[in-house]
């Protein structure tokens, strides 16, 4: 854990302390989830404190992998965290709209679709 401001409702840390620590780190792969995603809006969150962390985490990663269930595709939230062209791999389930997945592929992202049971 990096420390910082703990947001109990979301079970994560945010704020300036986390950003200070992240500046000096380098990682191979960042795995992240989001609250919503659209082609035009990119990755989104409802938490303003979290949005700055997503951008910073992506900037220190060699590869960005987003894991999102299909219910969050097409959902707009308060704050954009990252444009889709920063995503290297997008993992979702078979409920994802085909047009959305094709648009991601055209942007150069690897798309992995897990089957629904």
N, C-alpha and C. Protein backbone atom coordinates (compact mmCIF):
# COMPACT_ATOMS: atom_id res chain seq x y z
N UNK A 1 0.83 -1.19 0.00
CA UNK A 1 0.00 0.00 0.00
C UNK A 1 0.88 1.25 0.00
N UNK A 2 0.45 2.21 -0.74
CA UNK A 2 1.22 3.44 -0.85
C UNK A 2 0.87 4.47 0.22
N UNK A 3 -0.26 4.31 0.87
CA UNK A 3 -0.68 5.30 1.87
C UNK A 3 -1.46 6.42 1.21
N UNK A 4 -1.69 7.48 1.94
CA UNK A 4 -2.45 8.61 1.43
C UNK A 4 -3.81 8.70 2.10
N UNK A 5 -4.74 9.35 1.46
CA UNK A 5 -6.09 9.53 1.98
C UNK A 5 -6.89 8.26 1.69
N UNK A 6 -7.33 7.57 2.75
CA UNK A 6 -8.08 6.33 2.57
C UNK A 6 -9.56 6.66 2.40
N UNK A 7 -10.13 6.21 1.29
CA UNK A 7 -11.56 6.39 1.04
C UNK A 7 -12.25 5.05 1.31
N UNK A 8 -12.83 4.95 2.50
CA UNK A 8 -13.43 3.70 2.96
C UNK A 8 -14.52 3.20 2.01
N UNK A 9 -15.34 4.11 1.52
CA UNK A 9 -16.46 3.72 0.64
C UNK A 9 -15.97 2.98 -0.60
N UNK A 10 -14.80 3.34 -1.11
CA UNK A 10 -14.27 2.74 -2.33
C UNK A 10 -13.10 1.79 -2.06
N UNK A 11 -12.66 1.70 -0.80
CA UNK A 11 -11.59 0.81 -0.37
C UNK A 11 -10.30 1.05 -1.15
N UNK A 12 -9.89 2.32 -1.23
CA UNK A 12 -8.61 2.64 -1.86
C UNK A 12 -8.03 3.92 -1.27
N UNK A 13 -6.76 4.16 -1.62
CA UNK A 13 -6.06 5.37 -1.20
C UNK A 13 -6.00 6.34 -2.37
N UNK A 14 -6.06 7.63 -2.07
CA UNK A 14 -5.98 8.66 -3.10
C UNK A 14 -5.28 9.88 -2.50
N UNK A 15 -5.08 10.88 -3.32
CA UNK A 15 -4.54 12.13 -2.83
C UNK A 15 -3.08 12.37 -3.20
N UNK A 16 -2.57 13.51 -2.74
CA UNK A 16 -1.24 13.99 -3.11
C UNK A 16 -0.13 13.04 -2.65
N UNK A 17 -0.27 12.40 -1.50
CA UNK A 17 0.77 11.50 -1.00
C UNK A 17 0.99 10.34 -1.97
N UNK A 18 -0.08 9.76 -2.45
CA UNK A 18 0.02 8.65 -3.40
C UNK A 18 0.70 9.13 -4.68
N UNK A 19 0.32 10.30 -5.17
CA UNK A 19 0.91 10.82 -6.40
C UNK A 19 2.40 11.07 -6.23
N UNK A 20 2.82 11.55 -5.07
CA UNK A 20 4.24 11.80 -4.81
C UNK A 20 5.03 10.51 -4.89
N UNK A 21 4.52 9.45 -4.30
CA UNK A 21 5.21 8.16 -4.32
C UNK A 21 5.24 7.58 -5.74
N UNK A 22 4.12 7.69 -6.46
CA UNK A 22 4.04 7.11 -7.80
C UNK A 22 5.03 7.74 -8.77
N UNK A 23 5.35 9.00 -8.60
CA UNK A 23 6.25 9.69 -9.52
C UNK A 23 7.59 8.98 -9.70
N UNK A 24 8.05 8.30 -8.66
CA UNK A 24 9.37 7.68 -8.70
C UNK A 24 9.34 6.20 -9.04
N UNK A 25 8.18 5.65 -9.30
CA UNK A 25 8.05 4.23 -9.60
C UNK A 25 7.99 3.99 -11.11
N UNK A 26 8.34 2.78 -11.52
CA UNK A 26 8.19 2.31 -12.90
C UNK A 26 7.65 0.89 -12.83
N UNK A 27 6.64 0.59 -13.62
CA UNK A 27 6.06 -0.76 -13.63
C UNK A 27 5.94 -1.26 -15.06
N UNK A 28 5.98 -2.57 -15.21
CA UNK A 28 5.83 -3.16 -16.53
C UNK A 28 4.37 -3.09 -17.00
N UNK A 29 3.46 -3.57 -16.15
CA UNK A 29 2.06 -3.66 -16.56
C UNK A 29 1.15 -3.11 -15.46
N UNK A 30 0.25 -2.23 -15.85
CA UNK A 30 -0.77 -1.69 -14.96
C UNK A 30 -2.09 -2.34 -15.31
N UNK A 31 -2.73 -2.95 -14.33
CA UNK A 31 -4.08 -3.49 -14.49
C UNK A 31 -5.02 -2.54 -13.77
N UNK A 32 -6.06 -2.09 -14.47
CA UNK A 32 -6.98 -1.16 -13.82
C UNK A 32 -8.41 -1.43 -14.23
N UNK A 33 -9.32 -1.09 -13.33
CA UNK A 33 -10.74 -1.12 -13.61
C UNK A 33 -11.27 0.30 -13.55
N UNK A 34 -12.43 0.52 -14.13
CA UNK A 34 -13.03 1.85 -14.15
C UNK A 34 -14.54 1.72 -13.91
N UNK A 35 -15.17 2.88 -13.69
CA UNK A 35 -16.61 2.90 -13.43
C UNK A 35 -17.44 3.03 -14.69
N UNK A 36 -16.83 3.50 -15.77
CA UNK A 36 -17.53 3.65 -17.03
C UNK A 36 -16.54 3.86 -18.16
N UNK A 37 -16.98 3.58 -19.39
CA UNK A 37 -16.10 3.76 -20.54
C UNK A 37 -16.96 3.98 -21.79
N UNK A 38 -16.56 4.99 -22.58
CA UNK A 38 -17.18 5.24 -23.88
C UNK A 38 -16.08 5.51 -24.89
N UNK A 39 -16.38 5.33 -26.15
CA UNK A 39 -15.37 5.60 -27.19
C UNK A 39 -14.94 7.06 -27.15
N UNK A 40 -15.87 7.97 -27.08
CA UNK A 40 -15.53 9.40 -27.09
C UNK A 40 -14.96 9.89 -25.77
N UNK A 41 -15.48 9.39 -24.66
CA UNK A 41 -15.06 9.87 -23.34
C UNK A 41 -13.88 9.15 -22.75
N UNK A 42 -13.59 7.94 -23.22
CA UNK A 42 -12.50 7.16 -22.65
C UNK A 42 -12.89 6.51 -21.35
N UNK A 43 -11.90 6.30 -20.48
CA UNK A 43 -12.12 5.68 -19.19
C UNK A 43 -12.61 6.74 -18.21
N UNK A 44 -13.58 6.37 -17.37
CA UNK A 44 -14.18 7.35 -16.46
C UNK A 44 -14.37 6.80 -15.06
N UNK A 45 -14.43 7.73 -14.11
CA UNK A 45 -14.69 7.39 -12.72
C UNK A 45 -15.66 8.40 -12.12
N UNK A 46 -16.26 8.02 -11.02
CA UNK A 46 -17.14 8.93 -10.28
C UNK A 46 -16.35 9.68 -9.21
N UNK A 47 -15.10 9.29 -8.99
CA UNK A 47 -14.27 9.81 -7.90
C UNK A 47 -13.20 10.75 -8.45
N UNK A 48 -13.31 12.02 -8.18
CA UNK A 48 -12.38 13.02 -8.71
C UNK A 48 -10.96 12.77 -8.21
N UNK A 49 -10.80 12.35 -6.95
CA UNK A 49 -9.46 12.07 -6.43
C UNK A 49 -8.79 10.92 -7.17
N UNK A 50 -9.58 9.95 -7.57
CA UNK A 50 -9.04 8.77 -8.26
C UNK A 50 -8.61 9.10 -9.68
N UNK A 51 -9.25 10.05 -10.31
CA UNK A 51 -8.98 10.31 -11.72
C UNK A 51 -7.54 10.72 -11.98
N UNK A 52 -6.96 11.53 -11.15
CA UNK A 52 -5.57 11.93 -11.33
C UNK A 52 -4.61 10.77 -11.14
N UNK A 53 -4.98 9.83 -10.29
CA UNK A 53 -4.13 8.66 -10.06
C UNK A 53 -4.08 7.76 -11.28
N UNK A 54 -5.19 7.62 -11.97
CA UNK A 54 -5.21 6.77 -13.17
C UNK A 54 -4.23 7.30 -14.21
N UNK A 55 -4.24 8.58 -14.44
CA UNK A 55 -3.32 9.18 -15.41
C UNK A 55 -1.87 8.99 -14.98
N UNK A 56 -1.60 9.20 -13.71
CA UNK A 56 -0.23 9.05 -13.23
C UNK A 56 0.22 7.59 -13.29
N UNK A 57 -0.65 6.66 -12.90
CA UNK A 57 -0.29 5.25 -12.95
C UNK A 57 -0.01 4.81 -14.39
N UNK A 58 -0.82 5.29 -15.33
CA UNK A 58 -0.60 4.95 -16.73
C UNK A 58 0.73 5.52 -17.24
N UNK A 59 1.12 6.67 -16.73
CA UNK A 59 2.36 7.31 -17.20
C UNK A 59 3.61 6.57 -16.74
N UNK A 60 3.52 5.79 -15.66
CA UNK A 60 4.69 5.06 -15.18
C UNK A 60 4.70 3.60 -15.66
N UNK A 61 3.68 3.20 -16.39
CA UNK A 61 3.56 1.81 -16.85
C UNK A 61 4.00 1.66 -18.30
N UNK A 62 4.64 0.55 -18.59
CA UNK A 62 5.01 0.23 -19.96
C UNK A 62 3.77 -0.22 -20.75
N UNK A 63 2.83 -0.84 -20.05
CA UNK A 63 1.64 -1.41 -20.69
C UNK A 63 0.44 -1.17 -19.78
N UNK A 64 -0.69 -0.75 -20.37
CA UNK A 64 -1.92 -0.51 -19.62
C UNK A 64 -2.97 -1.53 -20.04
N UNK A 65 -3.44 -2.31 -19.06
CA UNK A 65 -4.47 -3.31 -19.29
C UNK A 65 -5.71 -2.89 -18.49
N UNK A 66 -6.83 -2.77 -19.18
CA UNK A 66 -8.09 -2.39 -18.53
C UNK A 66 -9.00 -3.60 -18.49
N UNK A 67 -9.55 -3.87 -17.31
CA UNK A 67 -10.48 -4.98 -17.12
C UNK A 67 -11.83 -4.39 -16.73
N UNK A 68 -12.83 -4.56 -17.62
CA UNK A 68 -14.14 -3.94 -17.42
C UNK A 68 -15.24 -4.91 -17.83
N UNK A 69 -16.21 -5.12 -16.95
CA UNK A 69 -17.34 -5.94 -17.38
C UNK A 69 -18.23 -5.12 -18.31
N UNK A 70 -18.95 -5.80 -19.17
CA UNK A 70 -19.71 -5.13 -20.25
C UNK A 70 -20.76 -4.16 -19.74
N UNK A 71 -21.20 -4.29 -18.51
CA UNK A 71 -22.22 -3.37 -17.98
C UNK A 71 -21.70 -1.94 -17.85
N UNK A 72 -20.40 -1.75 -17.87
CA UNK A 72 -19.81 -0.42 -17.73
C UNK A 72 -19.50 0.24 -19.07
N UNK A 73 -19.66 -0.51 -20.15
CA UNK A 73 -19.41 0.03 -21.49
C UNK A 73 -20.61 0.89 -21.91
N UNK A 74 -20.31 2.11 -22.34
CA UNK A 74 -21.36 3.05 -22.71
C UNK A 74 -21.84 3.88 -21.54
N UNK A 75 -21.24 3.69 -20.37
CA UNK A 75 -21.64 4.42 -19.16
C UNK A 75 -20.73 5.62 -18.98
N UNK A 76 -21.34 6.78 -18.81
CA UNK A 76 -20.61 8.02 -18.57
C UNK A 76 -20.60 8.33 -17.08
N UNK A 77 -19.44 8.71 -16.57
CA UNK A 77 -19.29 9.09 -15.17
C UNK A 77 -18.77 10.51 -15.08
N UNK A 78 -18.61 10.99 -13.87
CA UNK A 78 -18.26 12.39 -13.60
C UNK A 78 -16.95 12.84 -14.23
N UNK A 79 -15.90 12.03 -14.13
CA UNK A 79 -14.57 12.47 -14.49
C UNK A 79 -13.89 11.50 -15.45
N UNK A 80 -13.32 12.02 -16.52
CA UNK A 80 -12.53 11.20 -17.43
C UNK A 80 -11.16 10.97 -16.80
N UNK A 81 -10.68 9.72 -16.87
CA UNK A 81 -9.39 9.41 -16.28
C UNK A 81 -8.30 9.17 -17.32
N UNK A 82 -8.68 8.62 -18.46
CA UNK A 82 -7.68 8.26 -19.45
C UNK A 82 -8.35 8.08 -20.80
N UNK A 83 -7.75 8.60 -21.87
CA UNK A 83 -8.32 8.35 -23.20
C UNK A 83 -8.04 6.90 -23.62
N UNK A 84 -8.88 6.36 -24.47
CA UNK A 84 -8.74 4.96 -24.89
C UNK A 84 -7.47 4.69 -25.68
N UNK A 85 -6.89 5.69 -26.31
CA UNK A 85 -5.67 5.44 -27.07
C UNK A 85 -4.47 5.15 -26.18
N UNK A 86 -4.62 5.29 -24.87
CA UNK A 86 -3.56 4.94 -23.91
C UNK A 86 -3.65 3.49 -23.45
N UNK A 87 -4.72 2.79 -23.86
CA UNK A 87 -4.96 1.41 -23.43
C UNK A 87 -4.30 0.45 -24.41
N UNK A 88 -3.47 -0.45 -23.90
CA UNK A 88 -2.83 -1.46 -24.73
C UNK A 88 -3.69 -2.71 -24.88
N UNK A 89 -4.31 -3.14 -23.77
CA UNK A 89 -5.15 -4.33 -23.77
C UNK A 89 -6.44 -4.03 -23.03
N UNK A 90 -7.57 -4.46 -23.61
CA UNK A 90 -8.88 -4.24 -23.02
C UNK A 90 -9.53 -5.60 -22.83
N UNK A 91 -9.83 -5.96 -21.59
CA UNK A 91 -10.44 -7.25 -21.28
C UNK A 91 -11.87 -7.00 -20.80
N UNK A 92 -12.81 -7.70 -21.41
CA UNK A 92 -14.22 -7.57 -21.04
C UNK A 92 -14.91 -8.91 -21.25
N UNK A 93 -16.24 -8.92 -21.13
CA UNK A 93 -16.98 -10.16 -21.33
C UNK A 93 -17.76 -10.11 -22.63
N UNK A 94 -18.36 -11.25 -22.99
CA UNK A 94 -19.05 -11.40 -24.28
C UNK A 94 -20.31 -10.54 -24.40
N UNK A 95 -20.70 -9.86 -23.35
CA UNK A 95 -21.84 -8.95 -23.43
C UNK A 95 -21.50 -7.60 -24.01
N UNK A 96 -20.22 -7.37 -24.30
CA UNK A 96 -19.77 -6.08 -24.84
C UNK A 96 -20.28 -5.87 -26.26
N UNK A 97 -20.69 -4.64 -26.58
CA UNK A 97 -21.15 -4.34 -27.94
C UNK A 97 -20.04 -4.53 -28.98
N UNK A 98 -20.35 -5.22 -30.05
CA UNK A 98 -19.38 -5.50 -31.11
C UNK A 98 -18.78 -4.22 -31.68
N UNK A 99 -19.61 -3.19 -31.86
CA UNK A 99 -19.11 -1.92 -32.43
C UNK A 99 -18.05 -1.30 -31.53
N UNK A 100 -18.26 -1.39 -30.23
CA UNK A 100 -17.30 -0.84 -29.27
C UNK A 100 -15.97 -1.59 -29.37
N UNK A 101 -16.04 -2.91 -29.42
CA UNK A 101 -14.83 -3.72 -29.50
C UNK A 101 -14.07 -3.46 -30.79
N UNK A 102 -14.79 -3.32 -31.90
CA UNK A 102 -14.15 -3.03 -33.19
C UNK A 102 -13.48 -1.66 -33.16
N UNK A 103 -14.11 -0.69 -32.55
CA UNK A 103 -13.51 0.65 -32.44
C UNK A 103 -12.21 0.60 -31.65
N UNK A 104 -12.18 -0.20 -30.57
CA UNK A 104 -10.95 -0.36 -29.78
C UNK A 104 -9.84 -0.99 -30.62
N UNK A 105 -10.20 -2.00 -31.37
CA UNK A 105 -9.21 -2.67 -32.23
C UNK A 105 -8.63 -1.69 -33.25
N UNK A 106 -9.49 -0.84 -33.82
CA UNK A 106 -9.02 0.15 -34.79
C UNK A 106 -8.07 1.15 -34.16
N UNK A 107 -8.22 1.37 -32.84
CA UNK A 107 -7.31 2.27 -32.11
C UNK A 107 -5.99 1.60 -31.79
N UNK A 108 -5.90 0.30 -32.07
CA UNK A 108 -4.66 -0.42 -31.83
C UNK A 108 -4.62 -1.23 -30.56
N UNK A 109 -5.72 -1.28 -29.83
CA UNK A 109 -5.76 -2.05 -28.58
C UNK A 109 -5.99 -3.54 -28.85
N UNK A 110 -5.33 -4.36 -28.08
CA UNK A 110 -5.63 -5.79 -28.07
C UNK A 110 -6.93 -5.95 -27.29
N UNK A 111 -7.88 -6.70 -27.80
CA UNK A 111 -9.15 -6.91 -27.14
C UNK A 111 -9.31 -8.39 -26.80
N UNK A 112 -9.57 -8.66 -25.53
CA UNK A 112 -9.79 -10.03 -25.05
C UNK A 112 -11.21 -10.10 -24.49
N UNK A 113 -11.97 -11.05 -25.01
CA UNK A 113 -13.38 -11.20 -24.60
C UNK A 113 -13.54 -12.55 -23.90
N UNK A 114 -13.98 -12.49 -22.64
CA UNK A 114 -14.24 -13.69 -21.87
C UNK A 114 -15.68 -14.13 -22.10
N UNK A 115 -15.92 -15.44 -22.19
CA UNK A 115 -17.30 -15.92 -22.42
C UNK A 115 -18.19 -15.69 -21.20
N UNK A 116 -19.47 -15.53 -21.46
CA UNK A 116 -20.46 -15.43 -20.39
C UNK A 116 -20.96 -16.83 -20.10
N UNK A 117 -21.24 -17.12 -18.85
CA UNK A 117 -21.77 -18.44 -18.51
C UNK A 117 -23.24 -18.34 -18.17
